[in-house]
């Protein structure tokens, strides 16, 4: 092998070794930089603080100085029995809450349906965070079949202070089937 080629191979091997060393050192460097700057939440949570445990720490985001009333409403478009187990619930902003809704297919056939949420007042929409909700999916229920599904939610502590009550309303309707006609008394005139 020519001396120039040997020199080039040596330089390339040095570059590979330096790149490997740099890649290997990235994780400890990243952790050290983040810990020094306080920007990595995970590295701060991994620290051992005497007298505390990461599992026992309370949620400091809960605003216990405020109580919000959540009203639950359920409307069914079609042959469904659909209702929340609770009509109202008192919550603190930042607190995780769960309410369960009950569903029953009253029709004599298998039906698929989905729920669409709405909020009042409208400004609460951006502050009502659902972590788990039956409204995320469509469901199929057999004739007479009943189900219970939860809604897990958190009211954002940034909710304006003048909002004391939020109404969460769901409309449950059949998907892909016939939509029942509106009741005669609601078509626009009195009968």
N, C-alpha and C. Protein backbone atom coordinates (compact mmCIF):
# COMPACT_ATOMS: atom_id res chain seq x y z
N UNK A 1 0.84 -1.17 0.00
CA UNK A 1 0.00 0.00 0.00
C UNK A 1 0.89 1.24 0.00
N UNK A 2 0.52 2.20 -0.77
CA UNK A 2 1.29 3.44 -0.87
C UNK A 2 1.19 4.22 0.44
N UNK A 3 2.25 4.97 0.76
CA UNK A 3 2.26 5.75 2.00
C UNK A 3 1.09 6.75 2.07
N UNK A 4 0.70 7.32 0.93
CA UNK A 4 -0.42 8.29 0.94
C UNK A 4 -1.72 7.58 1.34
N UNK A 5 -1.87 6.34 0.86
CA UNK A 5 -3.07 5.58 1.18
C UNK A 5 -3.10 5.20 2.66
N UNK A 6 -1.93 4.82 3.20
CA UNK A 6 -1.84 4.48 4.61
C UNK A 6 -2.19 5.69 5.47
N UNK A 7 -1.69 6.84 5.06
CA UNK A 7 -1.95 8.08 5.79
C UNK A 7 -3.45 8.40 5.74
N UNK A 8 -4.09 8.21 4.58
CA UNK A 8 -5.53 8.48 4.44
C UNK A 8 -6.35 7.52 5.29
N UNK A 9 -6.00 6.24 5.29
CA UNK A 9 -6.70 5.24 6.11
C UNK A 9 -6.56 5.59 7.58
N UNK A 10 -5.36 5.99 8.01
CA UNK A 10 -5.14 6.38 9.39
C UNK A 10 -6.02 7.57 9.76
N UNK A 11 -6.09 8.59 8.91
CA UNK A 11 -6.92 9.77 9.17
C UNK A 11 -8.39 9.38 9.27
N UNK A 12 -8.84 8.50 8.38
CA UNK A 12 -10.24 8.07 8.41
C UNK A 12 -10.55 7.28 9.69
N UNK A 13 -9.63 6.43 10.12
CA UNK A 13 -9.83 5.69 11.37
C UNK A 13 -9.89 6.62 12.57
N UNK A 14 -9.06 7.66 12.57
CA UNK A 14 -9.09 8.65 13.66
C UNK A 14 -10.45 9.36 13.66
N UNK A 15 -10.92 9.73 12.48
CA UNK A 15 -12.23 10.42 12.38
C UNK A 15 -13.34 9.51 12.90
N UNK A 16 -13.31 8.23 12.52
CA UNK A 16 -14.33 7.28 13.00
C UNK A 16 -14.27 7.16 14.52
N UNK A 17 -13.09 7.06 15.08
CA UNK A 17 -12.93 6.93 16.53
C UNK A 17 -13.45 8.18 17.25
N UNK A 18 -13.14 9.36 16.72
CA UNK A 18 -13.62 10.61 17.32
C UNK A 18 -15.14 10.68 17.24
N UNK A 19 -15.73 10.30 16.09
CA UNK A 19 -17.18 10.32 15.95
C UNK A 19 -17.84 9.34 16.92
N UNK A 20 -17.28 8.15 17.07
CA UNK A 20 -17.81 7.18 18.01
C UNK A 20 -17.74 7.73 19.44
N UNK A 21 -16.62 8.29 19.82
CA UNK A 21 -16.46 8.85 21.15
C UNK A 21 -17.44 9.99 21.41
N UNK A 22 -17.64 10.84 20.41
CA UNK A 22 -18.58 11.95 20.55
C UNK A 22 -20.00 11.41 20.73
N UNK A 23 -20.39 10.44 19.92
CA UNK A 23 -21.72 9.85 20.04
C UNK A 23 -21.92 9.18 21.39
N UNK A 24 -20.91 8.50 21.87
CA UNK A 24 -20.98 7.84 23.17
C UNK A 24 -21.11 8.86 24.29
N UNK A 25 -20.48 10.01 24.15
CA UNK A 25 -20.49 11.04 25.19
C UNK A 25 -21.74 11.93 25.14
N UNK A 26 -22.54 11.82 24.11
CA UNK A 26 -23.70 12.70 23.96
C UNK A 26 -24.70 12.57 25.11
N UNK A 27 -25.02 11.35 25.53
CA UNK A 27 -26.03 11.16 26.58
C UNK A 27 -25.59 11.79 27.90
N UNK A 28 -24.40 11.51 28.40
CA UNK A 28 -24.00 12.17 29.65
C UNK A 28 -23.89 13.69 29.49
N UNK A 29 -23.42 14.15 28.33
CA UNK A 29 -23.34 15.60 28.10
C UNK A 29 -24.73 16.23 28.12
N UNK A 30 -25.68 15.58 27.46
CA UNK A 30 -27.05 16.09 27.41
C UNK A 30 -27.64 16.18 28.82
N UNK A 31 -27.48 15.11 29.60
CA UNK A 31 -28.01 15.12 30.96
C UNK A 31 -27.36 16.21 31.81
N UNK A 32 -26.06 16.38 31.67
CA UNK A 32 -25.35 17.40 32.46
C UNK A 32 -25.80 18.81 32.08
N UNK A 33 -25.94 19.07 30.80
CA UNK A 33 -26.37 20.40 30.34
C UNK A 33 -27.79 20.68 30.80
N UNK A 34 -28.70 19.71 30.62
CA UNK A 34 -30.09 19.91 31.02
C UNK A 34 -30.23 20.09 32.52
N UNK A 35 -29.48 19.31 33.29
CA UNK A 35 -29.54 19.45 34.75
C UNK A 35 -29.00 20.81 35.18
N UNK A 36 -27.93 21.27 34.54
CA UNK A 36 -27.35 22.56 34.90
C UNK A 36 -28.28 23.72 34.56
N UNK A 37 -29.00 23.60 33.43
CA UNK A 37 -29.89 24.67 33.01
C UNK A 37 -31.31 24.51 33.56
N UNK A 38 -31.62 23.33 34.12
CA UNK A 38 -32.95 23.09 34.66
C UNK A 38 -34.02 22.97 33.60
N UNK A 39 -33.66 22.52 32.41
CA UNK A 39 -34.65 22.47 31.33
C UNK A 39 -35.18 21.08 31.05
N UNK A 40 -34.63 20.07 31.67
CA UNK A 40 -35.10 18.71 31.42
C UNK A 40 -35.91 18.26 32.61
N UNK A 41 -37.22 18.23 32.46
CA UNK A 41 -38.10 17.87 33.56
C UNK A 41 -37.79 16.46 34.05
N UNK A 42 -37.49 15.55 33.14
CA UNK A 42 -37.21 14.18 33.56
C UNK A 42 -35.98 14.09 34.44
N UNK A 43 -34.93 14.82 34.10
CA UNK A 43 -33.73 14.72 34.93
C UNK A 43 -33.98 15.33 36.31
N UNK A 44 -34.82 16.36 36.40
CA UNK A 44 -35.14 16.92 37.71
C UNK A 44 -35.97 15.95 38.53
N UNK A 45 -36.88 15.21 37.88
CA UNK A 45 -37.72 14.25 38.59
C UNK A 45 -36.91 13.04 39.04
N UNK A 46 -35.82 12.76 38.35
CA UNK A 46 -35.01 11.60 38.70
C UNK A 46 -34.11 11.87 39.90
N UNK A 47 -33.97 13.12 40.28
CA UNK A 47 -33.11 13.45 41.41
C UNK A 47 -33.71 12.90 42.69
N UNK A 48 -32.87 12.44 43.59
CA UNK A 48 -33.32 11.97 44.89
C UNK A 48 -33.36 13.15 45.85
N UNK A 49 -34.56 13.49 46.30
CA UNK A 49 -34.72 14.56 47.27
C UNK A 49 -35.08 13.89 48.59
N UNK A 50 -34.30 14.13 49.64
CA UNK A 50 -34.57 13.46 50.92
C UNK A 50 -35.98 13.73 51.40
N UNK A 51 -36.65 12.66 51.87
CA UNK A 51 -37.99 12.80 52.42
C UNK A 51 -39.10 12.79 51.40
N UNK A 52 -38.80 12.65 50.12
CA UNK A 52 -39.86 12.61 49.13
C UNK A 52 -39.70 11.40 48.23
N UNK A 53 -40.78 11.05 47.62
CA UNK A 53 -40.76 9.97 46.65
C UNK A 53 -41.50 10.47 45.43
N UNK A 54 -41.06 10.09 44.23
CA UNK A 54 -41.69 10.60 43.02
C UNK A 54 -43.15 10.15 42.93
N UNK A 55 -43.50 9.04 43.55
CA UNK A 55 -44.89 8.56 43.51
C UNK A 55 -45.78 9.32 44.48
N UNK A 56 -45.21 9.85 45.54
CA UNK A 56 -46.02 10.48 46.58
C UNK A 56 -46.18 11.99 46.39
N UNK A 57 -45.56 12.55 45.38
CA UNK A 57 -45.64 14.00 45.18
C UNK A 57 -47.03 14.40 44.73
N UNK A 58 -47.62 15.41 45.36
CA UNK A 58 -48.95 15.87 44.93
C UNK A 58 -48.85 16.68 43.64
N UNK A 59 -49.96 16.77 42.95
CA UNK A 59 -50.02 17.57 41.74
C UNK A 59 -50.09 19.03 42.16
N UNK A 60 -49.03 19.78 41.93
CA UNK A 60 -48.98 21.18 42.34
C UNK A 60 -49.73 22.08 41.37
N UNK A 61 -50.26 21.50 40.29
CA UNK A 61 -51.01 22.29 39.31
C UNK A 61 -52.47 22.46 39.72
N UNK A 62 -52.95 21.76 40.75
CA UNK A 62 -54.33 21.86 41.18
C UNK A 62 -54.54 23.17 41.93
N UNK A 63 -55.53 23.93 41.51
CA UNK A 63 -55.87 25.20 42.14
C UNK A 63 -57.00 24.97 43.13
N UNK A 64 -56.65 24.68 44.39
CA UNK A 64 -57.66 24.37 45.39
C UNK A 64 -58.40 25.62 45.88
N UNK A 65 -57.96 26.79 45.45
CA UNK A 65 -58.66 28.02 45.85
C UNK A 65 -59.92 28.26 45.02
N UNK A 66 -60.10 27.49 43.95
CA UNK A 66 -61.26 27.67 43.07
C UNK A 66 -62.03 26.36 42.95
N UNK A 67 -63.34 26.48 42.85
CA UNK A 67 -64.20 25.32 42.60
C UNK A 67 -65.06 25.65 41.39
N UNK A 68 -65.06 24.75 40.43
CA UNK A 68 -65.86 24.91 39.22
C UNK A 68 -66.95 23.84 39.23
N UNK A 69 -68.16 24.22 38.91
CA UNK A 69 -69.26 23.26 38.79
C UNK A 69 -69.31 22.79 37.34
N UNK A 70 -69.25 21.48 37.15
CA UNK A 70 -69.37 20.90 35.82
C UNK A 70 -70.75 20.27 35.74
N UNK A 71 -71.53 20.68 34.75
CA UNK A 71 -72.86 20.10 34.51
C UNK A 71 -72.75 19.17 33.32
N UNK A 72 -73.35 18.00 33.42
CA UNK A 72 -73.29 17.00 32.36
C UNK A 72 -74.66 16.86 31.73
N UNK A 73 -74.70 16.95 30.41
CA UNK A 73 -75.94 16.88 29.66
C UNK A 73 -75.79 15.81 28.58
N UNK A 74 -76.86 15.09 28.30
CA UNK A 74 -76.81 14.05 27.27
C UNK A 74 -78.07 14.12 26.41
N UNK A 75 -77.86 14.12 25.10
CA UNK A 75 -78.96 14.14 24.14
C UNK A 75 -78.76 12.98 23.17
N UNK A 76 -79.83 12.29 22.86
CA UNK A 76 -79.73 11.18 21.91
C UNK A 76 -80.61 11.48 20.72
N UNK A 77 -80.05 11.31 19.54
CA UNK A 77 -80.79 11.47 18.29
C UNK A 77 -81.02 10.06 17.79
N UNK A 78 -82.16 9.52 18.12
CA UNK A 78 -82.47 8.15 17.74
C UNK A 78 -82.87 7.32 18.95
N UNK A 79 -83.03 6.03 18.74
CA UNK A 79 -83.54 5.14 19.79
C UNK A 79 -82.45 4.70 20.78
N UNK A 80 -81.93 5.66 21.53
CA UNK A 80 -80.88 5.38 22.49
C UNK A 80 -81.31 5.84 23.87
N UNK A 81 -80.90 5.12 24.87
CA UNK A 81 -80.96 5.62 26.23
C UNK A 81 -79.53 6.06 26.51
N UNK A 82 -79.34 7.31 26.88
CA UNK A 82 -78.01 7.89 27.00
C UNK A 82 -78.04 8.91 28.11
N UNK A 83 -77.26 8.68 29.19
CA UNK A 83 -77.26 9.62 30.31
C UNK A 83 -75.98 9.50 31.13
N UNK A 84 -75.61 10.60 31.79
CA UNK A 84 -74.45 10.55 32.70
C UNK A 84 -74.89 9.99 34.05
N UNK A 85 -73.97 9.34 34.75
CA UNK A 85 -74.29 8.85 36.09
C UNK A 85 -74.45 10.01 37.08
N UNK A 86 -73.74 11.12 36.83
CA UNK A 86 -73.84 12.32 37.66
C UNK A 86 -74.34 13.47 36.80
N UNK A 87 -75.18 14.31 37.34
CA UNK A 87 -75.63 15.50 36.61
C UNK A 87 -74.69 16.67 36.83
N UNK A 88 -74.07 16.75 38.01
CA UNK A 88 -73.11 17.83 38.30
C UNK A 88 -71.96 17.28 39.12
N UNK A 89 -70.84 17.98 39.05
CA UNK A 89 -69.65 17.60 39.79
C UNK A 89 -68.87 18.87 40.11
N UNK A 90 -68.42 18.99 41.37
CA UNK A 90 -67.59 20.12 41.78
C UNK A 90 -66.13 19.71 41.61
N UNK A 91 -65.35 20.50 40.87
CA UNK A 91 -63.95 20.17 40.60
C UNK A 91 -63.07 21.39 40.87
N UNK A 92 -61.79 21.10 41.10
CA UNK A 92 -60.78 22.16 41.20
C UNK A 92 -60.02 22.18 39.87
N UNK A 93 -59.71 23.35 39.34
CA UNK A 93 -58.88 23.40 38.12
C UNK A 93 -57.56 22.67 38.33
N UNK A 94 -57.17 21.85 37.35
CA UNK A 94 -55.95 21.08 37.42
C UNK A 94 -56.14 19.68 37.98
N UNK A 95 -57.30 19.41 38.55
CA UNK A 95 -57.59 18.11 39.15
C UNK A 95 -58.14 17.15 38.10
N UNK A 96 -57.67 15.90 38.10
CA UNK A 96 -58.19 14.91 37.15
C UNK A 96 -59.49 14.35 37.71
N UNK A 97 -60.51 14.27 36.83
CA UNK A 97 -61.84 13.84 37.23
C UNK A 97 -62.37 12.81 36.24
N UNK A 98 -63.32 11.99 36.71
CA UNK A 98 -63.94 10.99 35.85
C UNK A 98 -65.44 11.00 36.07
N UNK A 99 -66.17 10.95 34.99
CA UNK A 99 -67.62 10.76 35.04
C UNK A 99 -67.95 9.67 34.03
N UNK A 100 -68.93 8.84 34.36
CA UNK A 100 -69.30 7.71 33.52
C UNK A 100 -70.66 7.97 32.89
N UNK A 101 -70.75 7.66 31.60
CA UNK A 101 -72.02 7.76 30.88
C UNK A 101 -72.54 6.35 30.59
N UNK A 102 -73.85 6.21 30.62
CA UNK A 102 -74.50 4.93 30.35
C UNK A 102 -75.20 5.00 28.99
N UNK A 103 -75.06 3.94 28.21
CA UNK A 103 -75.65 3.86 26.87
C UNK A 103 -76.48 2.60 26.78
N UNK A 104 -77.57 2.66 26.05
CA UNK A 104 -78.38 1.47 25.77
C UNK A 104 -79.02 1.62 24.40
N UNK A 105 -78.86 0.59 23.57
CA UNK A 105 -79.49 0.56 22.25
C UNK A 105 -80.92 0.08 22.45
N UNK A 106 -81.89 0.95 22.27
CA UNK A 106 -83.31 0.64 22.45
C UNK A 106 -83.93 0.08 21.18
N UNK A 107 -83.18 0.10 20.10
CA UNK A 107 -83.68 -0.35 18.79
C UNK A 107 -83.58 -1.87 18.71
N UNK A 108 -84.38 -2.46 17.87
CA UNK A 108 -84.37 -3.91 17.68
C UNK A 108 -83.34 -4.36 16.66
N UNK A 109 -82.33 -3.55 16.39
CA UNK A 109 -81.29 -3.92 15.43
C UNK A 109 -79.94 -3.39 15.92
N UNK A 110 -78.87 -3.95 15.39
CA UNK A 110 -77.52 -3.49 15.73
C UNK A 110 -77.30 -2.12 15.11
N UNK A 111 -76.73 -1.20 15.91
CA UNK A 111 -76.52 0.17 15.44
C UNK A 111 -75.14 0.65 15.84
N UNK A 112 -74.56 1.49 14.99
CA UNK A 112 -73.29 2.16 15.28
C UNK A 112 -73.59 3.62 15.54
N UNK A 113 -72.90 4.19 16.53
CA UNK A 113 -73.17 5.57 16.90
C UNK A 113 -71.90 6.24 17.41
N UNK A 114 -71.99 7.56 17.48
CA UNK A 114 -70.88 8.36 18.00
C UNK A 114 -71.46 9.57 18.72
N UNK A 115 -70.72 10.07 19.69
CA UNK A 115 -71.13 11.25 20.45
C UNK A 115 -70.27 12.45 20.04
N UNK A 116 -70.90 13.60 19.97
CA UNK A 116 -70.22 14.85 19.65
C UNK A 116 -70.39 15.78 20.85
N UNK A 117 -69.27 16.29 21.40
CA UNK A 117 -69.37 17.17 22.57
C UNK A 117 -69.56 18.64 22.19
N UNK A 118 -70.13 19.38 23.12
CA UNK A 118 -70.17 20.84 23.02
C UNK A 118 -70.06 21.39 24.44
N UNK A 119 -69.64 22.64 24.53
CA UNK A 119 -69.35 23.25 25.83
C UNK A 119 -70.04 24.61 25.93
N UNK A 120 -70.43 24.93 27.15
CA UNK A 120 -70.95 26.26 27.43
C UNK A 120 -70.39 26.68 28.79
N UNK A 121 -69.90 27.89 28.92
CA UNK A 121 -69.78 28.91 27.88
C UNK A 121 -68.69 28.54 26.87
N UNK A 122 -68.77 29.14 25.72
CA UNK A 122 -67.85 28.81 24.62
C UNK A 122 -66.39 29.01 25.01
N UNK A 123 -66.08 30.01 25.84
CA UNK A 123 -64.70 30.27 26.24
C UNK A 123 -64.12 29.15 27.08
N UNK A 124 -64.95 28.25 27.60
CA UNK A 124 -64.45 27.11 28.39
C UNK A 124 -63.90 26.00 27.50
N UNK A 125 -64.25 26.00 26.23
CA UNK A 125 -63.85 24.93 25.31
C UNK A 125 -62.34 24.69 25.33
N UNK A 126 -61.57 25.73 25.25
CA UNK A 126 -60.11 25.60 25.19
C UNK A 126 -59.51 25.16 26.52
N UNK A 127 -60.28 25.22 27.60
CA UNK A 127 -59.77 24.91 28.93
C UNK A 127 -60.30 23.59 29.48
N UNK A 128 -61.12 22.89 28.71
CA UNK A 128 -61.68 21.61 29.13
C UNK A 128 -60.94 20.52 28.37
N UNK A 129 -60.02 19.84 29.04
CA UNK A 129 -59.14 18.87 28.39
C UNK A 129 -59.57 17.44 28.71
N UNK A 130 -60.04 16.73 27.69
CA UNK A 130 -60.45 15.34 27.88
C UNK A 130 -59.24 14.43 27.63
N UNK A 131 -58.91 13.60 28.60
CA UNK A 131 -57.80 12.66 28.47
C UNK A 131 -58.29 11.33 27.91
N UNK A 132 -59.52 10.98 28.25
CA UNK A 132 -60.16 9.77 27.74
C UNK A 132 -61.63 10.09 27.56
N UNK A 133 -62.17 9.69 26.41
CA UNK A 133 -63.57 10.02 26.15
C UNK A 133 -64.16 9.05 25.12
N UNK A 134 -65.38 8.63 25.36
CA UNK A 134 -66.08 7.79 24.40
C UNK A 134 -66.34 8.54 23.10
N UNK A 135 -66.27 9.86 23.13
CA UNK A 135 -66.53 10.66 21.93
C UNK A 135 -65.40 10.57 20.91
N UNK A 136 -64.28 9.95 21.28
CA UNK A 136 -63.16 9.81 20.36
C UNK A 136 -63.41 8.72 19.32
N UNK A 137 -64.38 7.83 19.57
CA UNK A 137 -64.59 6.67 18.71
C UNK A 137 -66.07 6.46 18.38
N UNK A 138 -66.31 5.63 17.37
CA UNK A 138 -67.65 5.15 17.06
C UNK A 138 -67.82 3.81 17.75
N UNK A 139 -69.05 3.50 18.16
CA UNK A 139 -69.33 2.25 18.85
C UNK A 139 -70.50 1.55 18.20
N UNK A 140 -70.49 0.22 18.24
CA UNK A 140 -71.58 -0.59 17.73
C UNK A 140 -72.19 -1.34 18.90
N UNK A 141 -73.50 -1.20 19.04
CA UNK A 141 -74.22 -1.89 20.10
C UNK A 141 -75.30 -2.77 19.49
N UNK A 142 -75.44 -3.98 20.01
CA UNK A 142 -76.46 -4.91 19.55
C UNK A 142 -77.81 -4.50 20.14
N UNK A 143 -78.90 -5.05 19.62
CA UNK A 143 -80.22 -4.71 20.16
C UNK A 143 -80.29 -4.96 21.67
N UNK A 144 -80.68 -3.94 22.43
CA UNK A 144 -80.81 -4.03 23.87
C UNK A 144 -79.50 -4.00 24.65
N UNK A 145 -78.37 -3.92 23.96
CA UNK A 145 -77.08 -3.93 24.63
C UNK A 145 -76.83 -2.61 25.36
N UNK A 146 -76.24 -2.71 26.56
CA UNK A 146 -75.90 -1.54 27.37
C UNK A 146 -74.39 -1.47 27.57
N UNK A 147 -73.87 -0.28 27.65
CA UNK A 147 -72.44 -0.05 27.90
C UNK A 147 -72.31 1.13 28.85
N UNK A 148 -71.16 1.17 29.54
CA UNK A 148 -70.80 2.31 30.38
C UNK A 148 -69.40 2.74 29.96
N UNK A 149 -69.25 4.03 29.63
CA UNK A 149 -67.95 4.53 29.19
C UNK A 149 -67.59 5.79 29.97
N UNK A 150 -66.31 5.93 30.33
CA UNK A 150 -65.89 7.09 31.12
C UNK A 150 -65.45 8.28 30.26
N UNK A 151 -65.51 9.42 30.90
CA UNK A 151 -64.88 10.64 30.38
C UNK A 151 -63.92 11.07 31.49
N UNK A 152 -62.63 11.11 31.18
CA UNK A 152 -61.62 11.55 32.13
C UNK A 152 -61.16 12.92 31.65
N UNK A 153 -61.23 13.91 32.53
CA UNK A 153 -60.95 15.27 32.11
C UNK A 153 -60.25 16.08 33.19
N UNK A 154 -59.65 17.17 32.73
CA UNK A 154 -59.01 18.15 33.60
C UNK A 154 -59.42 19.53 33.10
N UNK A 155 -59.82 20.38 34.03
CA UNK A 155 -60.10 21.78 33.69
C UNK A 155 -58.80 22.55 33.89
N UNK A 156 -58.36 23.21 32.85
CA UNK A 156 -57.10 23.95 32.87
C UNK A 156 -57.17 25.09 33.91
N UNK A 157 -56.14 25.19 34.77
CA UNK A 157 -56.12 26.28 35.75
C UNK A 157 -56.13 27.68 35.12
N UNK A 158 -55.85 27.77 33.81
CA UNK A 158 -55.87 29.07 33.13
C UNK A 158 -57.29 29.49 32.72
N UNK A 159 -58.30 28.68 33.10
CA UNK A 159 -59.69 29.04 32.84
C UNK A 159 -59.96 30.41 33.47
N UNK A 160 -60.58 31.33 32.71
CA UNK A 160 -60.86 32.66 33.28
C UNK A 160 -61.62 32.55 34.61
N UNK A 161 -61.26 33.40 35.56
CA UNK A 161 -61.83 33.33 36.91
C UNK A 161 -63.32 33.62 36.95
N UNK A 162 -63.84 34.31 35.96
CA UNK A 162 -65.28 34.60 35.97
C UNK A 162 -66.13 33.40 35.56
N UNK A 163 -65.52 32.32 35.05
CA UNK A 163 -66.27 31.12 34.68
C UNK A 163 -66.37 30.24 35.92
N UNK A 164 -67.58 30.08 36.42
CA UNK A 164 -67.83 29.28 37.63
C UNK A 164 -68.51 27.96 37.31
N UNK A 165 -69.15 27.88 36.12
CA UNK A 165 -69.88 26.68 35.72
C UNK A 165 -69.58 26.37 34.26
N UNK A 166 -69.33 25.10 33.98
CA UNK A 166 -69.14 24.64 32.60
C UNK A 166 -70.16 23.54 32.35
N UNK A 167 -70.85 23.63 31.23
CA UNK A 167 -71.79 22.58 30.84
C UNK A 167 -71.15 21.79 29.71
N UNK A 168 -70.99 20.49 29.94
CA UNK A 168 -70.50 19.56 28.92
C UNK A 168 -71.71 18.82 28.40
N UNK A 169 -72.00 19.01 27.13
CA UNK A 169 -73.17 18.40 26.52
C UNK A 169 -72.74 17.48 25.39
N UNK A 170 -73.32 16.28 25.36
CA UNK A 170 -73.04 15.33 24.27
C UNK A 170 -74.33 15.06 23.51
N UNK A 171 -74.19 14.95 22.20
CA UNK A 171 -75.28 14.48 21.36
C UNK A 171 -74.81 13.15 20.76
N UNK A 172 -75.59 12.11 21.02
CA UNK A 172 -75.25 10.75 20.58
C UNK A 172 -76.17 10.42 19.42
N UNK A 173 -75.59 10.06 18.27
CA UNK A 173 -76.41 9.81 17.09
C UNK A 173 -75.87 8.63 16.30
N UNK A 174 -76.77 8.03 15.51
CA UNK A 174 -76.40 6.88 14.70
C UNK A 174 -75.50 7.32 13.56
N UNK A 175 -74.51 6.48 13.26
CA UNK A 175 -73.57 6.74 12.18
C UNK A 175 -73.85 5.73 11.07
N UNK A 176 -74.06 6.23 9.86
CA UNK A 176 -74.22 5.34 8.71
C UNK A 176 -75.60 4.73 8.57
N UNK A 177 -76.54 5.13 9.37
CA UNK A 177 -77.89 4.58 9.28
C UNK A 177 -78.89 5.67 9.01
N UNK A 178 -80.15 5.31 9.12
CA UNK A 178 -81.21 6.30 8.93
C UNK A 178 -81.26 7.21 10.15
N UNK A 179 -81.42 8.49 9.91
CA UNK A 179 -81.59 9.44 10.99
C UNK A 179 -83.08 9.60 11.19
N UNK A 180 -83.60 9.39 12.41
CA UNK A 180 -85.03 9.52 12.63
C UNK A 180 -85.49 10.94 12.36
N UNK A 181 -86.70 11.06 11.92
CA UNK A 181 -87.27 12.39 11.65
C UNK A 181 -87.42 13.13 12.97
N UNK A 182 -87.34 14.47 12.89
CA UNK A 182 -87.52 15.29 14.08
C UNK A 182 -88.97 15.16 14.55
N UNK A 183 -89.21 15.27 15.86
CA UNK A 183 -90.58 15.22 16.35
C UNK A 183 -91.42 16.31 15.69
N UNK A 184 -92.68 16.03 15.42
CA UNK A 184 -93.55 16.92 14.65
C UNK A 184 -93.65 18.30 15.28
N UNK A 185 -93.65 18.41 16.60
CA UNK A 185 -93.78 19.69 17.26
C UNK A 185 -92.56 20.59 17.13
N UNK A 186 -91.47 20.10 16.60
CA UNK A 186 -90.23 20.89 16.51
C UNK A 186 -89.88 21.29 15.10
N UNK A 187 -90.80 21.16 14.16
CA UNK A 187 -90.47 21.46 12.79
C UNK A 187 -90.63 22.93 12.42
N UNK A 188 -90.97 23.77 13.34
CA UNK A 188 -91.00 25.19 13.01
C UNK A 188 -92.31 25.84 13.35
N UNK A 189 -93.35 25.12 13.52
CA UNK A 189 -94.62 25.73 13.87
C UNK A 189 -95.29 24.93 14.93
N UNK A 190 -96.37 25.48 15.47
CA UNK A 190 -97.12 24.76 16.50
C UNK A 190 -98.14 23.88 15.81
N UNK A 191 -98.32 22.71 16.37
CA UNK A 191 -99.32 21.81 15.78
C UNK A 191 -100.41 21.51 16.75
